[in-house]
Every structure is written in structure tokens, then in C-alpha cells.
């Protein structure tokens, strides 16, 4: 039986800094989603993810080497890397395929079922105790999602999802499936952050995801920026930006999850809605109705609630 790797030595816990790092990671993820949505619409989800991972592997490899790391993971750590990289690859395909077909704010709102699931998975898999503050934050966040969904269905005067046609419903189904994998990913992220450095996590995840997307490229069509409507310099620029933002975001999240429990950080995932709505409005001219703002207020309240309890 292979021995379990020793936990990574970290500085004393700093919950407040972990909250800030996690919130920053979500902001950069929102910006990355915007860049990827534009490229995915142009050349397809598999090609966009493959080229992003290729660029990301080169950047992450340079960072890994610059930080003085010379030893690649092995044993139980490598198996955990392989598992999470595979889960994230499936999650990413479903998410970005759906994102290309639905508004960003709505996409992010649907994924909020994942942190709710992950809070209770943390109790089962990580033996963490679910505090009342975490439960209350989840209830508030889920209530915000329900308000947004009601607006999208036209129950509260919003624009009905049916107006988007069949493609819209297919996008929603893909995002919901992605959210299930995302919940699992959140738990693996906590386990991974305890045994590996952020630089190692970023590099290995890019390489594993790139491997799976590379296998799928012959079946999806080996498109690259410049093959479709978007000009090649713009496409490559967006892919490079997306890769850099993904590395920065993943590094911040890995650092945060190594220093705070999953149930404390998971509710902060709700802040992603704010960034999705903002970038969707600024870049794709996606409207934000009153139900969106009301739901966002509940979500932010939930995030503040758990952060206040953990910091006290």
C-alpha cells in the first residue's frame, strides 16, 4: 500500500487573508470566463480549452521552475492530481459549452448548486463539522439563486428562459451537469491544497486537462484562432489572457484552501455571480434585471455571514 504524502507545511492559519485570496480568485475566474466565452463561440469548446491549457502549461511550468521546484509529484499525490484534473476537464467542457449558449449571470447562478452540495460533501469526505453559519450562508445563497431563476422564467417579470430556444435549455442542462462535477472538485481542491504547493497544482492540472483535450481534438476538429470569424491575434491574445487569469485564480484558491476549511470558503463561491453579471454586461451587453440584483444581494449577505463568523 502506498503511503499517504505528508501534509504541506504552511504558515499559521490566517482566515481573513484566506477569505481575501478566495474572493480574488473568484474575480479572476470571472474575467477568465469572459475571455473563454468569446473564444469558445468562435472556435468551439474543445479547441479553446486545449489551446488555453497548452499556453497555461508553458506559463505554469515556468512559474514552477522559477519557484525552485524540481521534483514532480508521485504516489498518492499524483493519483489525487490525476483524479482532480480529470474531473475538472469534464467540468470545464460542460461549463464552457453551456456558457456559450446562456448569459453569464444565469450560468453562474446555476452553478451555485455546487457549493451547496460541497458543504455537505465536506462533512462526509473531510470530516468537517457543518456550523450554523455555513448552513445559513448556504440558505441565503440558494434563496438568491431561486429569485434569479424565477425572474428568468418570467414569474417575477423577468425575461423567460424559453425565449432562448432549445439551445438555451441545452446550455442550462450542461451547466447543471458541470455543477455536480464542480461540487466534487471543491472537495478535491481542499484535499489537494493540503499536500501540494499552488505552483504544482496549477502545472499538473493544466497538463492533465491538456492531455484529455488533446485526445479529443481529432474528433472535435483541430480549430485554432484565425480559422473562424475572430482574427488570429485577438484569439491568441484572449487565450493567453485566459491562461494567465486561470493560473492566478487557481493559485489564489489553492493558497486559500490550504489555510481555511472548505465550509468556510465555499460560500464565497457565491461572489462569482457578481463578476459574471458585471463582465456579461460590460463585454456581451447582457442585461441585468431587478431579480438579478435582488438575488445577488442575498448571495452577498450569505458570503458576509460566514466570513464574519469565521473571522470572529
C-alpha atoms as a PDB file:
ATOM      1  CA  UNK A   1       0.000   0.000   0.000  1.00  0.00           C
ATOM      2  CA  UNK A   2       1.354   3.414  -0.964  1.00  0.00           C
ATOM      3  CA  UNK A   3       1.938   5.750   1.936  1.00  0.00           C
ATOM      4  CA  UNK A   4      -0.031   8.987   2.178  1.00  0.00           C
ATOM      5  CA  UNK A   5       2.163  12.035   1.486  1.00  0.00           C
ATOM      6  CA  UNK A   6       2.920  14.269   4.426  1.00  0.00           C
ATOM      7  CA  UNK A   7       0.846  17.447   4.638  1.00  0.00           C
ATOM      8  CA  UNK A   8       2.433  20.527   3.132  1.00  0.00           C
ATOM      9  CA  UNK A   9       3.952  22.765   5.795  1.00  0.00           C
ATOM     10  CA  UNK A  10       2.219  26.136   5.818  1.00  0.00           C
ATOM     11  CA  UNK A  11       2.288  29.263   7.915  1.00  0.00           C
ATOM     12  CA  UNK A  12      -0.157  29.588  10.828  1.00  0.00           C
ATOM     13  CA  UNK A  13      -3.763  29.913   9.697  1.00  0.00           C
ATOM     14  CA  UNK A  14      -4.868  33.360   8.627  1.00  0.00           C
ATOM     15  CA  UNK A  15      -8.635  33.086   7.957  1.00  0.00           C
ATOM     16  CA  UNK A  16      -9.132  36.706   6.904  1.00  0.00           C
ATOM     17  CA  UNK A  17      -6.328  36.517   4.330  1.00  0.00           C
ATOM     18  CA  UNK A  18      -7.746  33.202   3.109  1.00  0.00           C
ATOM     19  CA  UNK A  19     -11.118  34.879   2.543  1.00  0.00           C
ATOM     20  CA  UNK A  20      -9.482  37.719   0.593  1.00  0.00           C
ATOM     21  CA  UNK A  21      -7.471  35.281  -1.545  1.00  0.00           C
ATOM     22  CA  UNK A  22     -10.559  33.182  -2.274  1.00  0.00           C
ATOM     23  CA  UNK A  23     -12.617  36.242  -3.234  1.00  0.00           C
ATOM     24  CA  UNK A  24      -9.813  37.461  -5.508  1.00  0.00           C
ATOM     25  CA  UNK A  25      -9.589  34.042  -7.103  1.00  0.00           C
ATOM     26  CA  UNK A  26     -13.284  34.148  -7.949  1.00  0.00           C
ATOM     27  CA  UNK A  27     -12.941  37.611  -9.510  1.00  0.00           C
ATOM     28  CA  UNK A  28     -10.132  36.454 -11.800  1.00  0.00           C
ATOM     29  CA  UNK A  29     -12.120  33.335 -12.680  1.00  0.00           C
ATOM     30  CA  UNK A  30     -14.980  35.585 -13.784  1.00  0.00           C
ATOM     31  CA  UNK A  31     -12.645  37.527 -16.069  1.00  0.00           C
ATOM     32  CA  UNK A  32     -11.236  34.262 -17.442  1.00  0.00           C
ATOM     33  CA  UNK A  33     -14.758  33.003 -18.191  1.00  0.00           C
ATOM     34  CA  UNK A  34     -15.419  36.126 -20.258  1.00  0.00           C
ATOM     35  CA  UNK A  35     -12.314  35.610 -22.397  1.00  0.00           C
ATOM     36  CA  UNK A  36     -13.077  31.908 -22.824  1.00  0.00           C
ATOM     37  CA  UNK A  37     -16.707  32.546 -23.781  1.00  0.00           C
ATOM     38  CA  UNK A  38     -15.604  34.751 -26.678  1.00  0.00           C
ATOM     39  CA  UNK A  39     -13.069  32.188 -27.942  1.00  0.00           C
ATOM     40  CA  UNK A  40     -15.430  29.232 -27.426  1.00  0.00           C
ATOM     41  CA  UNK A  41     -18.112  30.889 -29.541  1.00  0.00           C
ATOM     42  CA  UNK A  42     -15.502  31.371 -32.275  1.00  0.00           C
ATOM     43  CA  UNK A  43     -13.642  28.017 -32.472  1.00  0.00           C
ATOM     44  CA  UNK A  44     -15.526  25.590 -30.211  1.00  0.00           C
ATOM     45  CA  UNK A  45     -15.144  24.438 -26.627  1.00  0.00           C
ATOM     46  CA  UNK A  46     -12.603  21.592 -27.058  1.00  0.00           C
ATOM     47  CA  UNK A  47     -10.227  23.638 -29.206  1.00  0.00           C
ATOM     48  CA  UNK A  48     -10.467  26.675 -26.931  1.00  0.00           C
ATOM     49  CA  UNK A  49      -9.730  24.596 -23.824  1.00  0.00           C
ATOM     50  CA  UNK A  50      -6.885  22.699 -25.494  1.00  0.00           C
ATOM     51  CA  UNK A  51      -5.030  25.825 -26.623  1.00  0.00           C
ATOM     52  CA  UNK A  52      -5.625  27.510 -23.267  1.00  0.00           C
ATOM     53  CA  UNK A  53      -4.192  24.517 -21.411  1.00  0.00           C
ATOM     54  CA  UNK A  54      -1.213  24.394 -23.776  1.00  0.00           C
ATOM     55  CA  UNK A  55      -0.396  28.034 -23.084  1.00  0.00           C
ATOM     56  CA  UNK A  56      -1.186  27.556 -19.404  1.00  0.00           C
ATOM     57  CA  UNK A  57       1.160  24.560 -19.126  1.00  0.00           C
ATOM     58  CA  UNK A  58       4.048  26.612 -20.514  1.00  0.00           C
ATOM     59  CA  UNK A  59       3.365  29.533 -18.178  1.00  0.00           C
ATOM     60  CA  UNK A  60       2.760  27.309 -15.143  1.00  0.00           C
ATOM     61  CA  UNK A  61       5.900  25.272 -15.912  1.00  0.00           C
ATOM     62  CA  UNK A  62       7.998  28.427 -15.924  1.00  0.00           C
ATOM     63  CA  UNK A  63       6.463  29.531 -12.615  1.00  0.00           C
ATOM     64  CA  UNK A  64       7.004  26.055 -11.115  1.00  0.00           C
ATOM     65  CA  UNK A  65      10.692  26.120 -12.091  1.00  0.00           C
ATOM     66  CA  UNK A  66      11.191  29.734 -11.003  1.00  0.00           C
ATOM     67  CA  UNK A  67       9.865  28.900  -7.525  1.00  0.00           C
ATOM     68  CA  UNK A  68      12.655  26.355  -7.158  1.00  0.00           C
ATOM     69  CA  UNK A  69      10.525  23.247  -7.597  1.00  0.00           C
ATOM     70  CA  UNK A  70      12.392  20.406  -9.276  1.00  0.00           C
ATOM     71  CA  UNK A  71      10.535  17.301  -8.137  1.00  0.00           C
ATOM     72  CA  UNK A  72       7.328  16.209  -9.841  1.00  0.00           C
ATOM     73  CA  UNK A  73       4.519  14.618  -7.783  1.00  0.00           C
ATOM     74  CA  UNK A  74       4.305  10.858  -7.331  1.00  0.00           C
ATOM     75  CA  UNK A  75       2.399   8.206  -5.403  1.00  0.00           C
ATOM     76  CA  UNK A  76      -0.809   9.267  -3.636  1.00  0.00           C
ATOM     77  CA  UNK A  77      -0.266  12.930  -4.555  1.00  0.00           C
ATOM     78  CA  UNK A  78      -0.051  12.085  -8.257  1.00  0.00           C
ATOM     79  CA  UNK A  79      -3.205   9.971  -8.057  1.00  0.00           C
ATOM     80  CA  UNK A  80      -5.077  12.865  -6.472  1.00  0.00           C
ATOM     81  CA  UNK A  81      -3.770  15.220  -9.190  1.00  0.00           C
ATOM     82  CA  UNK A  82      -4.932  12.809 -11.899  1.00  0.00           C
ATOM     83  CA  UNK A  83      -8.371  12.471 -10.342  1.00  0.00           C
ATOM     84  CA  UNK A  84      -8.950  16.189  -9.948  1.00  0.00           C
ATOM     85  CA  UNK A  85      -7.509  17.015 -13.379  1.00  0.00           C
ATOM     86  CA  UNK A  86      -9.892  14.532 -14.994  1.00  0.00           C
ATOM     87  CA  UNK A  87     -12.889  15.804 -13.028  1.00  0.00           C
ATOM     88  CA  UNK A  88     -12.058  19.429 -13.894  1.00  0.00           C
ATOM     89  CA  UNK A  89     -11.637  18.541 -17.585  1.00  0.00           C
ATOM     90  CA  UNK A  90     -15.168  17.149 -17.739  1.00  0.00           C
ATOM     91  CA  UNK A  91     -16.475  20.052 -15.691  1.00  0.00           C
ATOM     92  CA  UNK A  92     -14.819  22.608 -17.981  1.00  0.00           C
ATOM     93  CA  UNK A  93     -16.191  21.107 -21.205  1.00  0.00           C
ATOM     94  CA  UNK A  94     -19.750  21.110 -19.862  1.00  0.00           C
ATOM     95  CA  UNK A  95     -19.432  24.571 -18.330  1.00  0.00           C
ATOM     96  CA  UNK A  96     -17.969  26.412 -21.314  1.00  0.00           C
ATOM     97  CA  UNK A  97     -20.266  24.609 -23.777  1.00  0.00           C
ATOM     98  CA  UNK A  98     -23.205  25.835 -21.726  1.00  0.00           C
ATOM     99  CA  UNK A  99     -21.680  29.290 -21.187  1.00  0.00           C
ATOM    100  CA  UNK A 100     -21.516  29.846 -24.945  1.00  0.00           C
ATOM    101  CA  UNK A 101     -25.302  29.367 -25.057  1.00  0.00           C
ATOM    102  CA  UNK A 102     -26.533  31.213 -21.959  1.00  0.00           C
ATOM    103  CA  UNK A 103     -25.937  34.612 -20.310  1.00  0.00           C
ATOM    104  CA  UNK A 104     -23.010  34.691 -17.893  1.00  0.00           C
ATOM    105  CA  UNK A 105     -25.049  35.762 -14.859  1.00  0.00           C
ATOM    106  CA  UNK A 106     -27.532  32.950 -15.391  1.00  0.00           C
ATOM    107  CA  UNK A 107     -24.735  30.436 -15.953  1.00  0.00           C
ATOM    108  CA  UNK A 108     -23.016  31.353 -12.715  1.00  0.00           C
ATOM    109  CA  UNK A 109     -26.318  31.290 -10.810  1.00  0.00           C
ATOM    110  CA  UNK A 110     -26.972  27.703 -11.880  1.00  0.00           C
ATOM    111  CA  UNK A 111     -23.543  26.598 -10.697  1.00  0.00           C
ATOM    112  CA  UNK A 112     -24.407  27.727  -7.181  1.00  0.00           C
ATOM    113  CA  UNK A 113     -25.957  24.325  -6.557  1.00  0.00           C
ATOM    114  CA  UNK A 114     -22.345  23.075  -6.394  1.00  0.00           C
ATOM    115  CA  UNK A 115     -21.189  24.931  -3.261  1.00  0.00           C
ATOM    116  CA  UNK A 116     -24.394  23.866  -1.522  1.00  0.00           C
ATOM    117  CA  UNK A 117     -23.655  20.219  -2.337  1.00  0.00           C
ATOM    118  CA  UNK A 118     -19.982  20.665  -1.455  1.00  0.00           C
ATOM    119  CA  UNK A 119     -20.724  21.951   2.038  1.00  0.00           C
ATOM    120  CA  UNK A 120     -22.252  18.612   2.934  1.00  0.00           C
ATOM    121  CA  UNK A 121     -19.729  16.575   0.961  1.00  0.00           C
ATOM    122  CA  UNK A 122     -17.073  18.240   3.134  1.00  0.00           C
ATOM    123  CA  UNK A 123     -18.730  16.761   6.207  1.00  0.00           C
ATOM    124  CA  UNK A 124     -18.699  13.276   4.687  1.00  0.00           C
ATOM    125  CA  UNK A 125     -15.317  13.245   2.921  1.00  0.00           C
ATOM    126  CA  UNK A 126     -13.253  15.658   5.037  1.00  0.00           C
ATOM    127  CA  UNK A 127     -14.962  15.041   8.396  1.00  0.00           C
ATOM    128  CA  UNK A 128     -15.612  18.755   8.809  1.00  0.00           C
ATOM    129  CA  UNK A 129     -18.362  19.920  11.142  1.00  0.00           C
ATOM    130  CA  UNK A 130     -21.089  21.917   9.440  1.00  0.00           C
ATOM    131  CA  UNK A 131     -21.627  25.041  11.523  1.00  0.00           C
ATOM    132  CA  UNK A 132     -24.869  27.003  11.679  1.00  0.00           C
ATOM    133  CA  UNK A 133     -23.215  29.973   9.998  1.00  0.00           C
ATOM    134  CA  UNK A 134     -22.264  27.884   6.960  1.00  0.00           C
ATOM    135  CA  UNK A 135     -25.778  26.461   6.725  1.00  0.00           C
ATOM    136  CA  UNK A 136     -27.333  29.918   6.994  1.00  0.00           C
ATOM    137  CA  UNK A 137     -24.996  31.251   4.294  1.00  0.00           C
ATOM    138  CA  UNK A 138     -25.978  28.399   2.003  1.00  0.00           C
ATOM    139  CA  UNK A 139     -29.691  29.027   2.583  1.00  0.00           C
ATOM    140  CA  UNK A 140     -29.274  32.715   1.777  1.00  0.00           C
ATOM    141  CA  UNK A 141     -27.226  31.926  -1.324  1.00  0.00           C
ATOM    142  CA  UNK A 142     -29.689  29.341  -2.563  1.00  0.00           C
ATOM    143  CA  UNK A 143     -32.550  31.783  -1.934  1.00  0.00           C
ATOM    144  CA  UNK A 144     -30.760  34.281  -4.152  1.00  0.00           C
ATOM    145  CA  UNK A 145     -30.483  31.684  -6.903  1.00  0.00           C
ATOM    146  CA  UNK A 146     -34.235  30.964  -6.649  1.00  0.00           C
ATOM    147  CA  UNK A 147     -35.055  34.655  -7.043  1.00  0.00           C
ATOM    148  CA  UNK A 148     -32.871  34.853 -10.153  1.00  0.00           C
ATOM    149  CA  UNK A 149     -34.379  31.678 -11.608  1.00  0.00           C
ATOM    150  CA  UNK A 150     -37.906  32.995 -11.005  1.00  0.00           C
ATOM    151  CA  UNK A 151     -37.024  36.161 -12.881  1.00  0.00           C
ATOM    152  CA  UNK A 152     -35.579  34.220 -15.802  1.00  0.00           C
ATOM    153  CA  UNK A 153     -38.727  32.062 -16.016  1.00  0.00           C
ATOM    154  CA  UNK A 154     -40.907  35.160 -16.141  1.00  0.00           C
ATOM    155  CA  UNK A 155     -42.592  34.514 -12.782  1.00  0.00           C
ATOM    156  CA  UNK A 156     -41.416  37.855 -11.376  1.00  0.00           C
ATOM    157  CA  UNK A 157     -41.464  39.912 -14.553  1.00  0.00           C
ATOM    158  CA  UNK A 158     -38.081  38.793 -15.917  1.00  0.00           C
ATOM    159  CA  UNK A 159     -37.231  37.532 -19.396  1.00  0.00           C
ATOM    160  CA  UNK A 160     -38.325  33.934 -19.785  1.00  0.00           C
ATOM    161  CA  UNK A 161     -35.643  31.343 -20.467  1.00  0.00           C
ATOM    162  CA  UNK A 162     -37.917  29.864 -23.126  1.00  0.00           C
ATOM    163  CA  UNK A 163     -37.149  32.893 -25.302  1.00  0.00           C
ATOM    164  CA  UNK A 164     -33.637  31.489 -25.756  1.00  0.00           C
ATOM    165  CA  UNK A 165     -34.973  28.440 -27.589  1.00  0.00           C
ATOM    166  CA  UNK A 166     -33.696  24.868 -27.484  1.00  0.00           C
ATOM    167  CA  UNK A 167     -30.052  25.924 -27.333  1.00  0.00           C
ATOM    168  CA  UNK A 168     -30.727  27.805 -24.114  1.00  0.00           C
ATOM    169  CA  UNK A 169     -32.229  24.766 -22.421  1.00  0.00           C
ATOM    170  CA  UNK A 170     -29.348  22.578 -23.627  1.00  0.00           C
ATOM    171  CA  UNK A 171     -26.907  25.103 -22.184  1.00  0.00           C
ATOM    172  CA  UNK A 172     -28.696  25.061 -18.825  1.00  0.00           C
ATOM    173  CA  UNK A 173     -28.618  21.241 -18.733  1.00  0.00           C
ATOM    174  CA  UNK A 174     -24.865  21.217 -19.474  1.00  0.00           C
ATOM    175  CA  UNK A 175     -24.178  23.779 -16.742  1.00  0.00           C
ATOM    176  CA  UNK A 176     -26.192  21.790 -14.200  1.00  0.00           C
ATOM    177  CA  UNK A 177     -24.177  18.661 -15.021  1.00  0.00           C
ATOM    178  CA  UNK A 178     -20.986  20.703 -14.723  1.00  0.00           C
ATOM    179  CA  UNK A 179     -22.107  21.937 -11.297  1.00  0.00           C
ATOM    180  CA  UNK A 180     -22.284  18.362  -9.994  1.00  0.00           C
ATOM    181  CA  UNK A 181     -18.652  17.811 -11.010  1.00  0.00           C
ATOM    182  CA  UNK A 182     -17.777  21.215  -9.582  1.00  0.00           C
ATOM    183  CA  UNK A 183     -19.039  20.148  -6.152  1.00  0.00           C
ATOM    184  CA  UNK A 184     -16.712  17.155  -6.232  1.00  0.00           C
ATOM    185  CA  UNK A 185     -13.895  19.401  -7.450  1.00  0.00           C
ATOM    186  CA  UNK A 186     -14.287  21.681  -4.434  1.00  0.00           C
ATOM    187  CA  UNK A 187     -13.675  18.779  -2.072  1.00  0.00           C
ATOM    188  CA  UNK A 188     -10.698  17.510  -4.084  1.00  0.00           C
ATOM    189  CA  UNK A 189      -9.325  21.059  -4.110  1.00  0.00           C
ATOM    190  CA  UNK A 190      -9.253  21.126  -0.304  1.00  0.00           C
ATOM    191  CA  UNK A 191      -7.505  17.725  -0.149  1.00  0.00           C
ATOM    192  CA  UNK A 192      -5.046  18.713  -2.880  1.00  0.00           C
ATOM    193  CA  UNK A 193      -4.152  22.043  -1.270  1.00  0.00           C
ATOM    194  CA  UNK A 194      -3.031  20.242   1.898  1.00  0.00           C
ATOM    195  CA  UNK A 195      -0.360  18.134   0.173  1.00  0.00           C
ATOM    196  CA  UNK A 196       0.913  20.233  -2.748  1.00  0.00           C
ATOM    197  CA  UNK A 197       2.069  23.772  -3.464  1.00  0.00           C
ATOM    198  CA  UNK A 198      -0.110  26.107  -5.580  1.00  0.00           C
ATOM    199  CA  UNK A 199       2.552  26.059  -8.340  1.00  0.00           C
ATOM    200  CA  UNK A 200       2.485  22.266  -8.511  1.00  0.00           C
ATOM    201  CA  UNK A 201      -1.323  22.165  -8.563  1.00  0.00           C
ATOM    202  CA  UNK A 202      -1.552  24.710 -11.377  1.00  0.00           C
ATOM    203  CA  UNK A 203       1.063  22.988 -13.542  1.00  0.00           C
ATOM    204  CA  UNK A 204      -0.202  19.434 -13.153  1.00  0.00           C
ATOM    205  CA  UNK A 205      -3.841  20.416 -13.659  1.00  0.00           C
ATOM    206  CA  UNK A 206      -3.041  22.230 -16.908  1.00  0.00           C
ATOM    207  CA  UNK A 207      -1.016  19.274 -18.193  1.00  0.00           C
ATOM    208  CA  UNK A 208      -3.674  16.668 -17.313  1.00  0.00           C
ATOM    209  CA  UNK A 209      -6.520  18.702 -18.762  1.00  0.00           C
ATOM    210  CA  UNK A 210      -4.476  19.447 -21.897  1.00  0.00           C
ATOM    211  CA  UNK A 211      -3.830  15.718 -22.320  1.00  0.00           C
ATOM    212  CA  UNK A 212      -7.557  14.868 -22.310  1.00  0.00           C
ATOM    213  CA  UNK A 213      -8.467  17.762 -24.603  1.00  0.00           C
ATOM    214  CA  UNK A 214      -5.640  16.794 -26.967  1.00  0.00           C
ATOM    215  CA  UNK A 215      -7.102  13.298 -27.280  1.00  0.00           C
ATOM    216  CA  UNK A 216     -10.474  14.838 -28.143  1.00  0.00           C
ATOM    217  CA  UNK A 217      -9.129  17.328 -30.705  1.00  0.00           C
ATOM    218  CA  UNK A 218      -9.234  14.970 -33.740  1.00  0.00           C
ATOM    219  CA  UNK A 219     -12.926  14.325 -33.062  1.00  0.00           C
ATOM    220  CA  UNK A 220     -13.816  17.962 -32.363  1.00  0.00           C
ATOM    221  CA  UNK A 221     -11.842  19.490 -35.227  1.00  0.00           C
ATOM    222  CA  UNK A 222      -8.363  20.959 -34.754  1.00  0.00           C
ATOM    223  CA  UNK A 223      -9.510  24.584 -34.914  1.00  0.00           C
ATOM    224  CA  UNK A 224      -7.296  27.428 -33.798  1.00  0.00           C
ATOM    225  CA  UNK A 225      -7.684  31.212 -33.620  1.00  0.00           C
ATOM    226  CA  UNK A 226      -7.942  32.619 -37.126  1.00  0.00           C
ATOM    227  CA  UNK A 227      -9.829  29.591 -38.523  1.00  0.00           C
ATOM    228  CA  UNK A 228     -13.191  31.275 -37.840  1.00  0.00           C
ATOM    229  CA  UNK A 229     -14.558  34.809 -37.629  1.00  0.00           C
ATOM    230  CA  UNK A 230     -12.210  36.117 -34.925  1.00  0.00           C
ATOM    231  CA  UNK A 231      -8.835  37.472 -36.084  1.00  0.00           C
ATOM    232  CA  UNK A 232      -5.881  35.290 -35.068  1.00  0.00           C
ATOM    233  CA  UNK A 233      -4.048  37.952 -32.967  1.00  0.00           C
ATOM    234  CA  UNK A 234      -7.206  38.666 -30.989  1.00  0.00           C
ATOM    235  CA  UNK A 235      -7.923  34.959 -30.484  1.00  0.00           C
ATOM    236  CA  UNK A 236      -4.399  34.139 -29.312  1.00  0.00           C
ATOM    237  CA  UNK A 237      -4.417  37.224 -27.083  1.00  0.00           C
ATOM    238  CA  UNK A 238      -7.667  36.142 -25.415  1.00  0.00           C
ATOM    239  CA  UNK A 239      -6.368  32.585 -24.951  1.00  0.00           C
ATOM    240  CA  UNK A 240      -3.144  33.863 -23.375  1.00  0.00           C
ATOM    241  CA  UNK A 241      -5.117  36.208 -21.119  1.00  0.00           C
ATOM    242  CA  UNK A 242      -7.444  33.345 -20.132  1.00  0.00           C
ATOM    243  CA  UNK A 243      -4.471  31.100 -19.316  1.00  0.00           C
ATOM    244  CA  UNK A 244      -2.832  33.780 -17.161  1.00  0.00           C
ATOM    245  CA  UNK A 245      -6.071  34.532 -15.320  1.00  0.00           C
ATOM    246  CA  UNK A 246      -6.696  30.819 -14.748  1.00  0.00           C
ATOM    247  CA  UNK A 247      -3.210  30.382 -13.246  1.00  0.00           C
ATOM    248  CA  UNK A 248      -3.625  33.417 -10.988  1.00  0.00           C
ATOM    249  CA  UNK A 249      -7.075  32.348  -9.867  1.00  0.00           C
ATOM    250  CA  UNK A 250      -6.124  28.724  -9.213  1.00  0.00           C
ATOM    251  CA  UNK A 251      -3.026  29.812  -7.293  1.00  0.00           C
ATOM    252  CA  UNK A 252      -5.064  32.092  -5.042  1.00  0.00           C
ATOM    253  CA  UNK A 253      -7.720  29.444  -4.429  1.00  0.00           C
ATOM    254  CA  UNK A 254      -5.135  26.752  -3.686  1.00  0.00           C
ATOM    255  CA  UNK A 255      -3.418  29.077  -1.198  1.00  0.00           C
ATOM    256  CA  UNK A 256      -6.754  29.899   0.458  1.00  0.00           C
ATOM    257  CA  UNK A 257      -7.953  26.283   0.708  1.00  0.00           C
ATOM    258  CA  UNK A 258      -4.681  25.290   2.380  1.00  0.00           C
ATOM    259  CA  UNK A 259      -5.393  27.765   5.179  1.00  0.00           C
ATOM    260  CA  UNK A 260      -9.139  27.559   5.835  1.00  0.00           C
ATOM    261  CA  UNK A 261     -11.758  24.832   5.929  1.00  0.00           C
ATOM    262  CA  UNK A 262     -13.840  24.135   2.850  1.00  0.00           C
ATOM    263  CA  UNK A 263     -17.110  25.048   4.597  1.00  0.00           C
ATOM    264  CA  UNK A 264     -15.693  28.495   5.418  1.00  0.00           C
ATOM    265  CA  UNK A 265     -14.608  29.270   1.859  1.00  0.00           C
ATOM    266  CA  UNK A 266     -17.304  27.540  -0.208  1.00  0.00           C
ATOM    267  CA  UNK A 267     -19.967  30.236   0.437  1.00  0.00           C
ATOM    268  CA  UNK A 268     -17.564  32.798  -1.046  1.00  0.00           C
ATOM    269  CA  UNK A 269     -18.083  30.999  -4.355  1.00  0.00           C
ATOM    270  CA  UNK A 270     -21.361  32.944  -4.488  1.00  0.00           C
ATOM    271  CA  UNK A 271     -19.420  36.144  -5.160  1.00  0.00           C
ATOM    272  CA  UNK A 272     -18.726  34.720  -8.622  1.00  0.00           C
ATOM    273  CA  UNK A 273     -22.233  35.796  -9.586  1.00  0.00           C
ATOM    274  CA  UNK A 274     -21.323  39.455  -9.178  1.00  0.00           C
ATOM    275  CA  UNK A 275     -18.374  39.102 -11.537  1.00  0.00           C
ATOM    276  CA  UNK A 276     -20.345  37.028 -14.045  1.00  0.00           C
ATOM    277  CA  UNK A 277     -23.102  39.639 -14.190  1.00  0.00           C
ATOM    278  CA  UNK A 278     -20.625  42.518 -14.426  1.00  0.00           C
ATOM    279  CA  UNK A 279     -18.447  41.017 -17.179  1.00  0.00           C
ATOM    280  CA  UNK A 280     -21.505  39.773 -19.076  1.00  0.00           C
ATOM    281  CA  UNK A 281     -22.923  43.287 -19.089  1.00  0.00           C
ATOM    282  CA  UNK A 282     -19.665  45.035 -19.982  1.00  0.00           C
ATOM    283  CA  UNK A 283     -18.447  42.633 -22.678  1.00  0.00           C
ATOM    284  CA  UNK A 284     -21.508  40.829 -24.077  1.00  0.00           C
ATOM    285  CA  UNK A 285     -24.169  43.503 -23.421  1.00  0.00           C
ATOM    286  CA  UNK A 286     -26.180  41.077 -21.283  1.00  0.00           C
ATOM    287  CA  UNK A 287     -28.900  42.818 -19.290  1.00  0.00           C
ATOM    288  CA  UNK A 288     -29.241  42.714 -15.514  1.00  0.00           C
ATOM    289  CA  UNK A 289     -32.808  42.929 -14.151  1.00  0.00           C
ATOM    290  CA  UNK A 290     -34.061  43.675 -10.658  1.00  0.00           C
ATOM    291  CA  UNK A 291     -34.368  39.977  -9.865  1.00  0.00           C
ATOM    292  CA  UNK A 292     -30.684  39.585 -10.664  1.00  0.00           C
ATOM    293  CA  UNK A 293     -29.789  42.367  -8.258  1.00  0.00           C
ATOM    294  CA  UNK A 294     -32.106  41.038  -5.537  1.00  0.00           C
ATOM    295  CA  UNK A 295     -30.628  37.574  -5.832  1.00  0.00           C
ATOM    296  CA  UNK A 296     -27.114  38.974  -5.752  1.00  0.00           C
ATOM    297  CA  UNK A 297     -27.927  40.850  -2.532  1.00  0.00           C
ATOM    298  CA  UNK A 298     -28.968  37.607  -0.832  1.00  0.00           C
ATOM    299  CA  UNK A 299     -25.839  35.869  -2.107  1.00  0.00           C
ATOM    300  CA  UNK A 300     -23.507  38.587  -0.841  1.00  0.00           C
ATOM    301  CA  UNK A 301     -25.293  38.544   2.521  1.00  0.00           C
ATOM    302  CA  UNK A 302     -24.630  34.831   2.774  1.00  0.00           C
ATOM    303  CA  UNK A 303     -20.946  35.292   1.987  1.00  0.00           C
ATOM    304  CA  UNK A 304     -20.631  38.079   4.552  1.00  0.00           C
ATOM    305  CA  UNK A 305     -22.401  35.986   7.176  1.00  0.00           C
ATOM    306  CA  UNK A 306     -19.961  33.077   7.033  1.00  0.00           C
ATOM    307  CA  UNK A 307     -16.917  35.335   6.733  1.00  0.00           C
ATOM    308  CA  UNK A 308     -17.945  37.324   9.816  1.00  0.00           C
ATOM    309  CA  UNK A 309     -18.487  34.182  11.891  1.00  0.00           C
ATOM    310  CA  UNK A 310     -15.181  32.596  10.850  1.00  0.00           C
ATOM    311  CA  UNK A 311     -13.128  35.760  11.368  1.00  0.00           C
ATOM    312  CA  UNK A 312     -14.527  36.385  14.859  1.00  0.00           C
END
